[in-house]
Amino acid sequence: MSNRAIDSYIDEFKIYLHQLSESEQNDVVEFYQEYLTDAKLTSSDAIINKLGTPKNLARKVLADYSIKMSEENYQHVNDGRLTNNERFKKNIAMIGLVILALMASPIALPIAFVVILMLALTVALGIFLVLSFLFLVAASVIGGIGAIFMGFSVIFQSFATTVFYLGVGLVILGIDFFLIPIIIALFKWFFSVIVIFFRWLGKKLLYGRKTPIKGEKKNA
């Protein structure tokens, strides 16, 4: 039986699900429509009291989908043919959706502010470290190349000095080329830790509350 309050809620809810495919939208909408009908929630106040506003519920649903895709390393997106840069952007989007889902829950709102503050500090620290690393690498590369040119400039004056400067320059450049991949790998590892943390945080938010999520375990 059609209910005006349910239909109005579902219509607005679906507007915020544009990030999902049409089939996923229909799947989610059908789930909540059946849930509201079975729960016999016939007024807008009762529905919002149970599920939250359509926008807030959509944020939680989108965060749930995004977490699941991230856990699967986006193998179901474009048949898994994504570049590392595209996966990075999608994980950033997942983090944003989890934060929005946190802000959509009054109980989790204080957690959201703490998480946003921690994330801002982490990003600021990360930018500082990246810029410092780039500056040190640039300075050392310039220094290494300068030492090599210095060595060649005195080749007719002192062979020993030339060998010394060439050796110093090559050692500096060798250390740079050795450290750069290691530092990049460390930054990638650190970002993966942040992604895992937000997946965990999102699961605690989504499955640790009363609002039902499609596909969640009944005893969660």
N, C-alpha and C. Protein backbone atom coordinates (compact mmCIF):
# COMPACT_ATOMS: atom_id res chain seq x y z
N MET A 1 0.84 -1.19 0.00
CA MET A 1 0.00 0.00 0.00
C MET A 1 0.88 1.25 0.00
N SER A 2 0.58 2.21 -0.86
CA SER A 2 1.37 3.43 -0.96
C SER A 2 1.10 4.33 0.22
N ASN A 3 2.16 4.98 0.68
CA ASN A 3 2.04 5.92 1.79
C ASN A 3 2.73 7.22 1.39
N ARG A 4 2.03 8.34 1.56
CA ARG A 4 2.56 9.61 1.09
C ARG A 4 3.87 9.98 1.79
N ALA A 5 3.94 9.76 3.10
CA ALA A 5 5.14 10.11 3.86
C ALA A 5 6.34 9.28 3.40
N ILE A 6 6.10 7.98 3.19
CA ILE A 6 7.17 7.10 2.73
C ILE A 6 7.61 7.47 1.33
N ASP A 7 6.64 7.69 0.45
CA ASP A 7 6.96 8.05 -0.94
C ASP A 7 7.76 9.36 -1.01
N SER A 8 7.36 10.34 -0.20
CA SER A 8 8.05 11.62 -0.19
C SER A 8 9.48 11.46 0.31
N TYR A 9 9.63 10.66 1.37
CA TYR A 9 10.97 10.42 1.95
C TYR A 9 11.86 9.71 0.94
N ILE A 10 11.34 8.67 0.30
CA ILE A 10 12.11 7.87 -0.65
C ILE A 10 12.48 8.70 -1.89
N ASP A 11 11.55 9.54 -2.36
CA ASP A 11 11.83 10.38 -3.53
C ASP A 11 12.99 11.34 -3.26
N GLU A 12 12.99 11.95 -2.08
CA GLU A 12 14.08 12.86 -1.73
C GLU A 12 15.38 12.07 -1.48
N PHE A 13 15.25 10.93 -0.86
CA PHE A 13 16.40 10.06 -0.57
C PHE A 13 17.14 9.68 -1.86
N LYS A 14 16.37 9.34 -2.89
CA LYS A 14 16.97 8.88 -4.14
C LYS A 14 17.75 10.00 -4.84
N ILE A 15 17.36 11.24 -4.62
CA ILE A 15 18.06 12.38 -5.25
C ILE A 15 19.53 12.40 -4.84
N TYR A 16 19.80 12.02 -3.59
CA TYR A 16 21.16 12.09 -3.07
C TYR A 16 22.00 10.86 -3.39
N LEU A 17 21.43 9.91 -4.13
CA LEU A 17 22.15 8.67 -4.45
C LEU A 17 22.73 8.69 -5.86
N HIS A 18 22.91 9.89 -6.43
CA HIS A 18 23.33 9.98 -7.82
C HIS A 18 24.71 9.38 -8.08
N GLN A 19 25.52 9.20 -7.03
CA GLN A 19 26.85 8.62 -7.21
C GLN A 19 26.79 7.12 -7.49
N LEU A 20 25.66 6.50 -7.17
CA LEU A 20 25.49 5.07 -7.42
C LEU A 20 24.93 4.85 -8.82
N SER A 21 25.14 3.64 -9.33
CA SER A 21 24.55 3.30 -10.62
C SER A 21 23.04 3.18 -10.47
N GLU A 22 22.34 3.17 -11.58
CA GLU A 22 20.88 3.11 -11.54
C GLU A 22 20.40 1.83 -10.86
N SER A 23 21.06 0.71 -11.16
CA SER A 23 20.66 -0.56 -10.55
C SER A 23 20.91 -0.55 -9.04
N GLU A 24 22.05 0.06 -8.63
CA GLU A 24 22.34 0.16 -7.20
C GLU A 24 21.35 1.07 -6.50
N GLN A 25 20.99 2.17 -7.16
CA GLN A 25 19.99 3.07 -6.59
C GLN A 25 18.66 2.35 -6.39
N ASN A 26 18.23 1.63 -7.40
CA ASN A 26 16.95 0.91 -7.31
C ASN A 26 17.00 -0.14 -6.21
N ASP A 27 18.15 -0.80 -6.08
CA ASP A 27 18.32 -1.83 -5.06
C ASP A 27 18.19 -1.23 -3.67
N VAL A 28 18.88 -0.11 -3.44
CA VAL A 28 18.86 0.55 -2.14
C VAL A 28 17.47 1.10 -1.84
N VAL A 29 16.89 1.76 -2.82
CA VAL A 29 15.55 2.35 -2.64
C VAL A 29 14.53 1.27 -2.30
N GLU A 30 14.58 0.15 -3.01
CA GLU A 30 13.65 -0.95 -2.74
C GLU A 30 13.81 -1.48 -1.32
N PHE A 31 15.08 -1.58 -0.87
CA PHE A 31 15.35 -2.07 0.48
C PHE A 31 14.70 -1.17 1.52
N TYR A 32 14.91 0.15 1.43
CA TYR A 32 14.38 1.06 2.44
C TYR A 32 12.87 1.25 2.31
N GLN A 33 12.36 1.14 1.11
CA GLN A 33 10.91 1.23 0.95
C GLN A 33 10.23 0.05 1.64
N GLU A 34 10.79 -1.13 1.46
CA GLU A 34 10.25 -2.31 2.12
C GLU A 34 10.41 -2.21 3.64
N TYR A 35 11.57 -1.69 4.05
CA TYR A 35 11.84 -1.56 5.49
C TYR A 35 10.82 -0.63 6.14
N LEU A 36 10.58 0.52 5.53
CA LEU A 36 9.64 1.48 6.10
C LEU A 36 8.22 0.94 6.11
N THR A 37 7.88 0.21 5.06
CA THR A 37 6.53 -0.38 4.99
C THR A 37 6.35 -1.44 6.07
N ASP A 38 7.36 -2.32 6.19
CA ASP A 38 7.27 -3.39 7.20
C ASP A 38 7.27 -2.83 8.62
N ALA A 39 8.02 -1.70 8.82
CA ALA A 39 8.09 -1.09 10.15
C ALA A 39 6.85 -0.27 10.47
N LYS A 40 5.99 -0.10 9.45
CA LYS A 40 4.75 0.65 9.62
C LYS A 40 5.00 2.08 10.12
N LEU A 41 6.01 2.71 9.54
CA LEU A 41 6.31 4.10 9.86
C LEU A 41 5.54 4.96 8.87
N THR A 42 4.45 5.53 9.30
CA THR A 42 3.51 6.19 8.38
C THR A 42 3.57 7.71 8.41
N SER A 43 4.43 8.30 9.28
CA SER A 43 4.53 9.76 9.32
C SER A 43 5.98 10.17 9.08
N SER A 44 6.14 11.39 8.58
CA SER A 44 7.48 11.90 8.29
C SER A 44 8.33 11.97 9.56
N ASP A 45 7.74 12.40 10.65
CA ASP A 45 8.49 12.50 11.91
C ASP A 45 8.98 11.13 12.38
N ALA A 46 8.11 10.12 12.25
CA ALA A 46 8.49 8.77 12.68
C ALA A 46 9.63 8.23 11.81
N ILE A 47 9.56 8.50 10.51
CA ILE A 47 10.59 8.02 9.59
C ILE A 47 11.93 8.70 9.89
N ILE A 48 11.90 10.01 10.04
CA ILE A 48 13.14 10.75 10.31
C ILE A 48 13.71 10.38 11.67
N ASN A 49 12.84 10.14 12.63
CA ASN A 49 13.29 9.72 13.95
C ASN A 49 14.01 8.38 13.89
N LYS A 50 13.59 7.52 12.96
CA LYS A 50 14.17 6.19 12.84
C LYS A 50 15.41 6.18 11.93
N LEU A 51 15.32 6.84 10.79
CA LEU A 51 16.39 6.76 9.79
C LEU A 51 17.21 8.04 9.63
N GLY A 52 16.73 9.13 10.21
CA GLY A 52 17.38 10.40 9.96
C GLY A 52 16.81 11.04 8.70
N THR A 53 17.28 12.20 8.36
CA THR A 53 16.79 12.86 7.15
C THR A 53 17.24 12.08 5.91
N PRO A 54 16.55 12.25 4.79
CA PRO A 54 16.96 11.55 3.56
C PRO A 54 18.42 11.82 3.18
N LYS A 55 18.86 13.05 3.36
CA LYS A 55 20.24 13.42 3.01
C LYS A 55 21.24 12.71 3.91
N ASN A 56 20.96 12.67 5.21
CA ASN A 56 21.87 12.01 6.14
C ASN A 56 21.91 10.50 5.92
N LEU A 57 20.76 9.92 5.62
CA LEU A 57 20.74 8.48 5.34
C LEU A 57 21.53 8.18 4.07
N ALA A 58 21.38 9.04 3.06
CA ALA A 58 22.11 8.85 1.81
C ALA A 58 23.61 8.92 2.05
N ARG A 59 24.04 9.83 2.91
CA ARG A 59 25.47 9.94 3.22
C ARG A 59 26.00 8.63 3.81
N LYS A 60 25.21 8.03 4.70
CA LYS A 60 25.63 6.77 5.32
C LYS A 60 25.66 5.63 4.31
N VAL A 61 24.67 5.62 3.42
CA VAL A 61 24.62 4.58 2.39
C VAL A 61 25.80 4.72 1.43
N LEU A 62 26.09 5.94 1.00
CA LEU A 62 27.20 6.18 0.08
C LEU A 62 28.53 5.83 0.74
N ALA A 63 28.67 6.16 2.02
CA ALA A 63 29.89 5.81 2.74
C ALA A 63 30.04 4.29 2.81
N ASP A 64 28.94 3.60 3.05
CA ASP A 64 28.96 2.13 3.11
C ASP A 64 29.41 1.53 1.78
N TYR A 65 28.83 2.01 0.70
CA TYR A 65 29.21 1.52 -0.63
C TYR A 65 30.68 1.82 -0.93
N SER A 66 31.11 3.03 -0.58
CA SER A 66 32.47 3.45 -0.86
C SER A 66 33.48 2.61 -0.07
N ILE A 67 33.16 2.30 1.17
CA ILE A 67 34.04 1.46 1.99
C ILE A 67 34.17 0.07 1.39
N LYS A 68 33.04 -0.50 0.97
CA LYS A 68 33.06 -1.84 0.38
C LYS A 68 33.89 -1.87 -0.91
N MET A 69 33.75 -0.84 -1.75
CA MET A 69 34.53 -0.78 -2.98
C MET A 69 36.02 -0.63 -2.69
N SER A 70 36.33 0.17 -1.66
CA SER A 70 37.73 0.36 -1.28
C SER A 70 38.34 -0.93 -0.78
N GLU A 71 37.57 -1.68 0.01
CA GLU A 71 38.06 -2.96 0.52
C GLU A 71 38.33 -3.94 -0.61
N GLU A 72 37.55 -3.85 -1.67
CA GLU A 72 37.72 -4.72 -2.84
C GLU A 72 38.72 -4.14 -3.84
N ASN A 73 39.38 -3.03 -3.44
CA ASN A 73 40.37 -2.36 -4.28
C ASN A 73 39.77 -1.95 -5.63
N TYR A 74 38.48 -1.64 -5.62
CA TYR A 74 37.77 -1.12 -6.79
C TYR A 74 37.85 -2.08 -7.99
N GLN A 75 37.82 -3.37 -7.70
CA GLN A 75 37.88 -4.37 -8.77
C GLN A 75 36.62 -4.38 -9.62
N HIS A 76 35.51 -3.86 -9.07
CA HIS A 76 34.24 -3.84 -9.81
C HIS A 76 34.01 -2.51 -10.52
N VAL A 77 35.01 -1.63 -10.48
CA VAL A 77 34.91 -0.35 -11.19
C VAL A 77 35.76 -0.44 -12.45
N ASN A 78 35.10 -0.28 -13.60
CA ASN A 78 35.79 -0.40 -14.90
C ASN A 78 36.59 -1.70 -15.01
N ASP A 79 35.98 -2.78 -14.46
CA ASP A 79 36.62 -4.10 -14.49
C ASP A 79 37.98 -4.10 -13.82
N GLY A 80 38.16 -3.21 -12.85
CA GLY A 80 39.42 -3.17 -12.11
C GLY A 80 40.54 -2.45 -12.84
N ARG A 81 40.24 -1.90 -14.01
CA ARG A 81 41.28 -1.22 -14.80
C ARG A 81 41.37 0.25 -14.38
N LEU A 82 41.88 0.46 -13.19
CA LEU A 82 42.06 1.81 -12.68
C LEU A 82 43.54 2.08 -12.45
N THR A 83 43.94 3.30 -12.72
CA THR A 83 45.31 3.69 -12.44
C THR A 83 45.47 3.93 -10.93
N ASN A 84 46.70 3.97 -10.47
CA ASN A 84 46.95 4.25 -9.05
C ASN A 84 46.41 5.62 -8.67
N ASN A 85 46.50 6.57 -9.59
CA ASN A 85 46.00 7.91 -9.32
C ASN A 85 44.47 7.90 -9.16
N GLU A 86 43.79 7.10 -9.98
CA GLU A 86 42.33 7.00 -9.87
C GLU A 86 41.92 6.33 -8.57
N ARG A 87 42.66 5.29 -8.17
CA ARG A 87 42.38 4.63 -6.89
C ARG A 87 42.63 5.60 -5.73
N PHE A 88 43.67 6.41 -5.85
CA PHE A 88 43.98 7.40 -4.82
C PHE A 88 42.81 8.38 -4.67
N LYS A 89 42.30 8.88 -5.80
CA LYS A 89 41.19 9.83 -5.77
C LYS A 89 39.93 9.20 -5.17
N LYS A 90 39.67 7.93 -5.50
CA LYS A 90 38.48 7.26 -4.97
C LYS A 90 38.61 7.02 -3.47
N ASN A 91 39.82 6.72 -3.00
CA ASN A 91 40.02 6.55 -1.56
C ASN A 91 39.87 7.88 -0.83
N ILE A 92 40.33 8.97 -1.47
CA ILE A 92 40.11 10.30 -0.89
C ILE A 92 38.62 10.59 -0.79
N ALA A 93 37.88 10.23 -1.85
CA ALA A 93 36.42 10.42 -1.85
C ALA A 93 35.77 9.57 -0.75
N MET A 94 36.27 8.35 -0.55
CA MET A 94 35.74 7.48 0.50
C MET A 94 35.94 8.12 1.87
N ILE A 95 37.11 8.68 2.10
CA ILE A 95 37.40 9.35 3.38
C ILE A 95 36.43 10.51 3.58
N GLY A 96 36.19 11.28 2.52
CA GLY A 96 35.25 12.39 2.61
C GLY A 96 33.84 11.93 2.94
N LEU A 97 33.41 10.83 2.33
CA LEU A 97 32.06 10.30 2.58
C LEU A 97 31.92 9.79 4.01
N VAL A 98 32.97 9.18 4.53
CA VAL A 98 32.92 8.71 5.92
C VAL A 98 32.80 9.89 6.87
N ILE A 99 33.55 10.96 6.59
CA ILE A 99 33.47 12.16 7.44
C ILE A 99 32.06 12.76 7.37
N LEU A 100 31.48 12.82 6.17
CA LEU A 100 30.11 13.33 6.04
C LEU A 100 29.12 12.45 6.78
N ALA A 101 29.34 11.13 6.72
CA ALA A 101 28.46 10.21 7.44
C ALA A 101 28.58 10.42 8.95
N LEU A 102 29.80 10.68 9.42
CA LEU A 102 29.99 10.98 10.84
C LEU A 102 29.23 12.24 11.24
N MET A 103 29.32 13.25 10.38
CA MET A 103 28.65 14.51 10.67
C MET A 103 27.14 14.38 10.58
N ALA A 104 26.66 13.34 9.88
CA ALA A 104 25.21 13.14 9.74
C ALA A 104 24.61 12.49 10.98
N SER A 105 25.47 12.02 11.88
CA SER A 105 24.98 11.36 13.09
C SER A 105 25.22 12.27 14.29
N PRO A 106 24.16 12.71 14.98
CA PRO A 106 24.33 13.59 16.13
C PRO A 106 25.23 12.99 17.20
N ILE A 107 25.14 11.67 17.40
CA ILE A 107 25.96 11.01 18.41
C ILE A 107 27.43 11.04 18.02
N ALA A 108 27.68 10.88 16.72
CA ALA A 108 29.06 10.81 16.23
C ALA A 108 29.63 12.18 15.87
N LEU A 109 28.84 13.23 16.02
CA LEU A 109 29.30 14.56 15.61
C LEU A 109 30.58 14.99 16.33
N PRO A 110 30.69 14.80 17.66
CA PRO A 110 31.96 15.15 18.33
C PRO A 110 33.14 14.37 17.75
N ILE A 111 32.89 13.09 17.41
CA ILE A 111 33.95 12.28 16.81
C ILE A 111 34.35 12.88 15.47
N ALA A 112 33.36 13.37 14.71
CA ALA A 112 33.64 13.95 13.41
C ALA A 112 34.57 15.15 13.53
N PHE A 113 34.32 16.02 14.51
CA PHE A 113 35.18 17.19 14.69
C PHE A 113 36.59 16.79 15.06
N VAL A 114 36.72 15.78 15.92
CA VAL A 114 38.05 15.30 16.31
C VAL A 114 38.77 14.70 15.11
N VAL A 115 38.03 13.90 14.34
CA VAL A 115 38.62 13.25 13.16
C VAL A 115 39.05 14.29 12.14
N ILE A 116 38.19 15.29 11.90
CA ILE A 116 38.53 16.35 10.93
C ILE A 116 39.77 17.11 11.38
N LEU A 117 39.84 17.40 12.69
CA LEU A 117 41.01 18.10 13.23
C LEU A 117 42.27 17.26 13.05
N MET A 118 42.17 15.96 13.39
CA MET A 118 43.32 15.07 13.24
C MET A 118 43.73 14.95 11.78
N LEU A 119 42.73 14.86 10.90
CA LEU A 119 43.02 14.74 9.47
C LEU A 119 43.68 16.01 8.95
N ALA A 120 43.20 17.16 9.39
CA ALA A 120 43.78 18.44 8.95
C ALA A 120 45.24 18.54 9.42
N LEU A 121 45.48 18.15 10.67
CA LEU A 121 46.85 18.18 11.19
C LEU A 121 47.75 17.20 10.43
N THR A 122 47.19 16.02 10.12
CA THR A 122 47.96 15.01 9.39
C THR A 122 48.30 15.50 7.99
N VAL A 123 47.30 16.10 7.32
CA VAL A 123 47.54 16.63 5.97
C VAL A 123 48.57 17.75 6.00
N ALA A 124 48.45 18.64 7.00
CA ALA A 124 49.40 19.75 7.12
C ALA A 124 50.81 19.21 7.37
N LEU A 125 50.90 18.21 8.25
CA LEU A 125 52.21 17.60 8.52
C LEU A 125 52.74 16.91 7.27
N GLY A 126 51.84 16.23 6.55
CA GLY A 126 52.25 15.54 5.33
C GLY A 126 52.77 16.51 4.28
N ILE A 127 52.06 17.64 4.11
CA ILE A 127 52.50 18.65 3.15
C ILE A 127 53.85 19.22 3.54
N PHE A 128 54.00 19.47 4.85
CA PHE A 128 55.29 20.00 5.34
C PHE A 128 56.42 19.01 5.07
N LEU A 129 56.17 17.73 5.34
CA LEU A 129 57.21 16.72 5.12
C LEU A 129 57.54 16.57 3.64
N VAL A 130 56.50 16.59 2.80
CA VAL A 130 56.72 16.47 1.36
C VAL A 130 57.55 17.64 0.84
N LEU A 131 57.16 18.87 1.24
CA LEU A 131 57.90 20.04 0.79
C LEU A 131 59.34 20.03 1.31
N SER A 132 59.50 19.61 2.58
CA SER A 132 60.85 19.51 3.14
C SER A 132 61.68 18.48 2.39
N PHE A 133 61.05 17.35 2.09
CA PHE A 133 61.75 16.29 1.36
C PHE A 133 62.15 16.77 -0.04
N LEU A 134 61.22 17.44 -0.73
CA LEU A 134 61.51 17.95 -2.07
C LEU A 134 62.64 18.98 -2.03
N PHE A 135 62.60 19.83 -1.01
CA PHE A 135 63.66 20.84 -0.88
C PHE A 135 65.01 20.17 -0.64
N LEU A 136 65.05 19.19 0.26
CA LEU A 136 66.31 18.51 0.55
C LEU A 136 66.83 17.75 -0.65
N VAL A 137 65.91 17.10 -1.38
CA VAL A 137 66.31 16.36 -2.57
C VAL A 137 66.86 17.31 -3.63
N ALA A 138 66.13 18.41 -3.85
CA ALA A 138 66.58 19.39 -4.85
C ALA A 138 67.94 19.96 -4.47
N ALA A 139 68.10 20.30 -3.17
CA ALA A 139 69.37 20.86 -2.72
C ALA A 139 70.51 19.86 -2.86
N SER A 140 70.23 18.60 -2.50
CA SER A 140 71.29 17.59 -2.58
C SER A 140 71.64 17.26 -4.03
N VAL A 141 70.63 17.24 -4.92
CA VAL A 141 70.91 16.98 -6.34
C VAL A 141 71.75 18.11 -6.92
N ILE A 142 71.37 19.35 -6.59
CA ILE A 142 72.16 20.50 -7.06
C ILE A 142 73.58 20.43 -6.50
N GLY A 143 73.65 20.06 -5.20
CA GLY A 143 74.97 19.94 -4.58
C GLY A 143 75.81 18.83 -5.22
N GLY A 144 75.16 17.70 -5.52
CA GLY A 144 75.87 16.59 -6.16
C GLY A 144 76.37 16.95 -7.54
N ILE A 145 75.47 17.56 -8.33
CA ILE A 145 75.87 17.98 -9.68
C ILE A 145 76.95 19.06 -9.62
N GLY A 146 76.81 19.98 -8.65
CA GLY A 146 77.82 21.02 -8.48
C GLY A 146 79.18 20.43 -8.13
N ALA A 147 79.19 19.41 -7.27
CA ALA A 147 80.45 18.77 -6.91
C ALA A 147 81.11 18.11 -8.12
N ILE A 148 80.29 17.50 -8.98
CA ILE A 148 80.83 16.85 -10.19
C ILE A 148 81.43 17.91 -11.12
N PHE A 149 80.72 19.01 -11.32
CA PHE A 149 81.26 20.08 -12.17
C PHE A 149 82.53 20.68 -11.55
N MET A 150 82.52 20.79 -10.23
CA MET A 150 83.72 21.30 -9.54
C MET A 150 84.90 20.38 -9.79
N GLY A 151 84.62 19.07 -9.76
CA GLY A 151 85.69 18.10 -10.01
C GLY A 151 86.26 18.25 -11.40
N PHE A 152 85.38 18.40 -12.40
CA PHE A 152 85.85 18.55 -13.78
C PHE A 152 86.59 19.88 -13.98
N SER A 153 86.19 20.88 -13.20
CA SER A 153 86.82 22.20 -13.39
C SER A 153 88.27 22.24 -12.93
N VAL A 154 88.66 21.32 -12.05
CA VAL A 154 90.05 21.31 -11.54
C VAL A 154 90.81 20.09 -12.04
N ILE A 155 90.29 19.44 -13.10
CA ILE A 155 90.91 18.21 -13.57
C ILE A 155 92.36 18.43 -14.03
N PHE A 156 92.66 19.61 -14.56
CA PHE A 156 94.01 19.88 -15.04
C PHE A 156 94.91 20.45 -13.94
N GLN A 157 94.33 20.73 -12.79
CA GLN A 157 95.11 21.28 -11.69
C GLN A 157 95.47 20.20 -10.67
N SER A 158 94.50 19.35 -10.32
CA SER A 158 94.76 18.28 -9.35
C SER A 158 93.83 17.11 -9.62
N PHE A 159 94.45 16.01 -10.07
CA PHE A 159 93.66 14.83 -10.38
C PHE A 159 93.00 14.26 -9.11
N ALA A 160 93.73 14.31 -8.00
CA ALA A 160 93.20 13.78 -6.74
C ALA A 160 91.96 14.57 -6.29
N THR A 161 92.04 15.90 -6.46
CA THR A 161 90.88 16.74 -6.10
C THR A 161 89.70 16.44 -7.00
N THR A 162 89.98 16.23 -8.28
CA THR A 162 88.92 15.89 -9.23
C THR A 162 88.22 14.59 -8.82
N VAL A 163 89.03 13.58 -8.50
CA VAL A 163 88.46 12.29 -8.07
C VAL A 163 87.63 12.46 -6.81
N PHE A 164 88.12 13.29 -5.88
CA PHE A 164 87.39 13.51 -4.63
C PHE A 164 86.02 14.13 -4.89
N TYR A 165 86.00 15.22 -5.68
CA TYR A 165 84.73 15.90 -5.95
C TYR A 165 83.77 15.01 -6.76
N LEU A 166 84.34 14.30 -7.74
CA LEU A 166 83.49 13.39 -8.52
C LEU A 166 82.90 12.31 -7.61
N GLY A 167 83.71 11.79 -6.72
CA GLY A 167 83.22 10.76 -5.79
C GLY A 167 82.13 11.28 -4.88
N VAL A 168 82.36 12.49 -4.34
CA VAL A 168 81.35 13.09 -3.46
C VAL A 168 80.04 13.33 -4.21
N GLY A 169 80.15 13.87 -5.42
CA GLY A 169 78.94 14.14 -6.21
C GLY A 169 78.18 12.89 -6.55
N LEU A 170 78.89 11.84 -6.98
CA LEU A 170 78.23 10.58 -7.33
C LEU A 170 77.60 9.91 -6.12
N VAL A 171 78.28 10.01 -4.97
CA VAL A 171 77.72 9.43 -3.73
C VAL A 171 76.42 10.14 -3.35
N ILE A 172 76.43 11.48 -3.44
CA ILE A 172 75.22 12.25 -3.11
C ILE A 172 74.07 11.87 -4.03
N LEU A 173 74.35 11.83 -5.34
CA LEU A 173 73.30 11.47 -6.30
C LEU A 173 72.84 10.03 -6.10
N GLY A 174 73.78 9.14 -5.79
CA GLY A 174 73.42 7.74 -5.54
C GLY A 174 72.51 7.59 -4.34
N ILE A 175 72.80 8.36 -3.27
CA ILE A 175 71.95 8.32 -2.08
C ILE A 175 70.55 8.84 -2.40
N ASP A 176 70.50 9.92 -3.20
CA ASP A 176 69.20 10.48 -3.59
C ASP A 176 68.36 9.45 -4.35
N PHE A 177 68.95 8.82 -5.35
CA PHE A 177 68.21 7.85 -6.16
C PHE A 177 67.85 6.61 -5.35
N PHE A 178 68.59 6.35 -4.29
CA PHE A 178 68.27 5.22 -3.43
C PHE A 178 67.15 5.57 -2.46
N LEU A 179 67.19 6.81 -1.94
CA LEU A 179 66.21 7.21 -0.92
C LEU A 179 64.86 7.60 -1.50
N ILE A 180 64.85 8.18 -2.70
CA ILE A 180 63.59 8.67 -3.28
C ILE A 180 62.53 7.58 -3.36
N PRO A 181 62.83 6.38 -3.92
CA PRO A 181 61.79 5.33 -3.96
C PRO A 181 61.35 4.88 -2.57
N ILE A 182 62.29 4.87 -1.62
CA ILE A 182 61.96 4.45 -0.24
C ILE A 182 61.00 5.45 0.40
N ILE A 183 61.30 6.74 0.24
CA ILE A 183 60.44 7.78 0.81
C ILE A 183 59.06 7.74 0.18
N ILE A 184 59.01 7.58 -1.15
CA ILE A 184 57.72 7.49 -1.84
C ILE A 184 56.92 6.30 -1.33
N ALA A 185 57.60 5.16 -1.15
CA ALA A 185 56.93 3.95 -0.63
C ALA A 185 56.40 4.19 0.78
N LEU A 186 57.15 4.94 1.60
CA LEU A 186 56.71 5.25 2.97
C LEU A 186 55.46 6.12 2.96
N PHE A 187 55.43 7.11 2.06
CA PHE A 187 54.24 7.97 1.95
C PHE A 187 53.02 7.15 1.51
N LYS A 188 53.23 6.23 0.55
CA LYS A 188 52.13 5.38 0.09
C LYS A 188 51.62 4.49 1.23
N TRP A 189 52.57 3.95 2.01
CA TRP A 189 52.19 3.10 3.14
C TRP A 189 51.41 3.90 4.17
N PHE A 190 51.85 5.12 4.44
CA PHE A 190 51.17 5.97 5.42
C PHE A 190 49.75 6.29 4.96
N PHE A 191 49.59 6.57 3.66
CA PHE A 191 48.25 6.86 3.14
C PHE A 191 47.36 5.62 3.24
N SER A 192 47.93 4.43 2.97
CA SER A 192 47.14 3.19 3.08
C SER A 192 46.68 2.97 4.51
N VAL A 193 47.50 3.36 5.49
CA VAL A 193 47.11 3.25 6.90
C VAL A 193 45.92 4.16 7.19
N ILE A 194 45.96 5.38 6.64
CA ILE A 194 44.84 6.32 6.81
C ILE A 194 43.57 5.76 6.20
N VAL A 195 43.70 5.16 5.01
CA VAL A 195 42.53 4.57 4.32
C VAL A 195 41.95 3.44 5.17
N ILE A 196 42.80 2.56 5.69
CA ILE A 196 42.34 1.45 6.53
C ILE A 196 41.65 1.98 7.78
N PHE A 197 42.20 3.05 8.38
CA PHE A 197 41.60 3.63 9.57
C PHE A 197 40.18 4.14 9.28
N PHE A 198 40.01 4.81 8.15
CA PHE A 198 38.68 5.36 7.82
C PHE A 198 37.71 4.24 7.43
N ARG A 199 38.21 3.16 6.83
CA ARG A 199 37.33 2.01 6.60
C ARG A 199 36.81 1.48 7.94
N TRP A 200 37.72 1.32 8.89
CA TRP A 200 37.35 0.81 10.22
C TRP A 200 36.38 1.77 10.90
N LEU A 201 36.68 3.07 10.82
CA LEU A 201 35.82 4.07 11.45
C LEU A 201 34.44 4.05 10.82
N GLY A 202 34.39 3.93 9.49
CA GLY A 202 33.11 3.89 8.81
C GLY A 202 32.29 2.67 9.19
N LYS A 203 32.95 1.54 9.32
CA LYS A 203 32.23 0.32 9.72
C LYS A 203 31.67 0.46 11.13
N LYS A 204 32.46 1.03 12.02
CA LYS A 204 31.98 1.24 13.39
C LYS A 204 30.78 2.17 13.39
N LEU A 205 30.81 3.17 12.53
CA LEU A 205 29.69 4.11 12.43
C LEU A 205 28.46 3.45 11.84
N LEU A 206 28.65 2.74 10.73
CA LEU A 206 27.52 2.21 9.99
C LEU A 206 26.89 0.99 10.63
N TYR A 207 27.72 0.12 11.19
CA TYR A 207 27.20 -1.12 11.74
C TYR A 207 27.03 -1.08 13.26
N GLY A 208 27.48 0.03 13.84
CA GLY A 208 27.35 0.13 15.28
C GLY A 208 26.18 1.01 15.69
N ARG A 209 25.21 1.18 14.82
CA ARG A 209 24.06 2.02 15.12
C ARG A 209 22.77 1.29 14.78
N LYS A 210 21.65 1.92 15.05
CA LYS A 210 20.36 1.26 14.84
C LYS A 210 19.86 1.39 13.41
N THR A 211 20.31 2.38 12.67
CA THR A 211 19.85 2.56 11.30
C THR A 211 20.25 1.36 10.46
N PRO A 212 19.31 0.70 9.80
CA PRO A 212 19.66 -0.48 9.01
C PRO A 212 20.40 -0.11 7.74
N ILE A 213 21.34 -0.96 7.35
CA ILE A 213 22.07 -0.80 6.09
C ILE A 213 21.88 -2.07 5.29
N LYS A 214 21.59 -1.91 4.01
CA LYS A 214 21.36 -3.08 3.16
C LYS A 214 22.58 -3.98 3.16
N GLY A 215 22.33 -5.26 3.46
CA GLY A 215 23.41 -6.23 3.42
C GLY A 215 24.09 -6.45 4.76
N GLU A 216 23.77 -5.63 5.78
CA GLU A 216 24.43 -5.82 7.08
C GLU A 216 23.82 -7.01 7.81
N LYS A 217 24.62 -7.57 8.70
CA LYS A 217 24.16 -8.73 9.47
C LYS A 217 23.14 -8.28 10.51
N LYS A 218 22.18 -9.11 10.72
CA LYS A 218 21.10 -8.75 11.65
C LYS A 218 21.61 -8.61 13.07
N ASN A 219 22.66 -9.37 13.42
CA ASN A 219 23.15 -9.33 14.78
C ASN A 219 24.31 -8.35 14.94
N ALA A 220 24.54 -7.50 13.89
CA ALA A 220 25.65 -6.56 13.97
C ALA A 220 25.34 -5.47 14.99
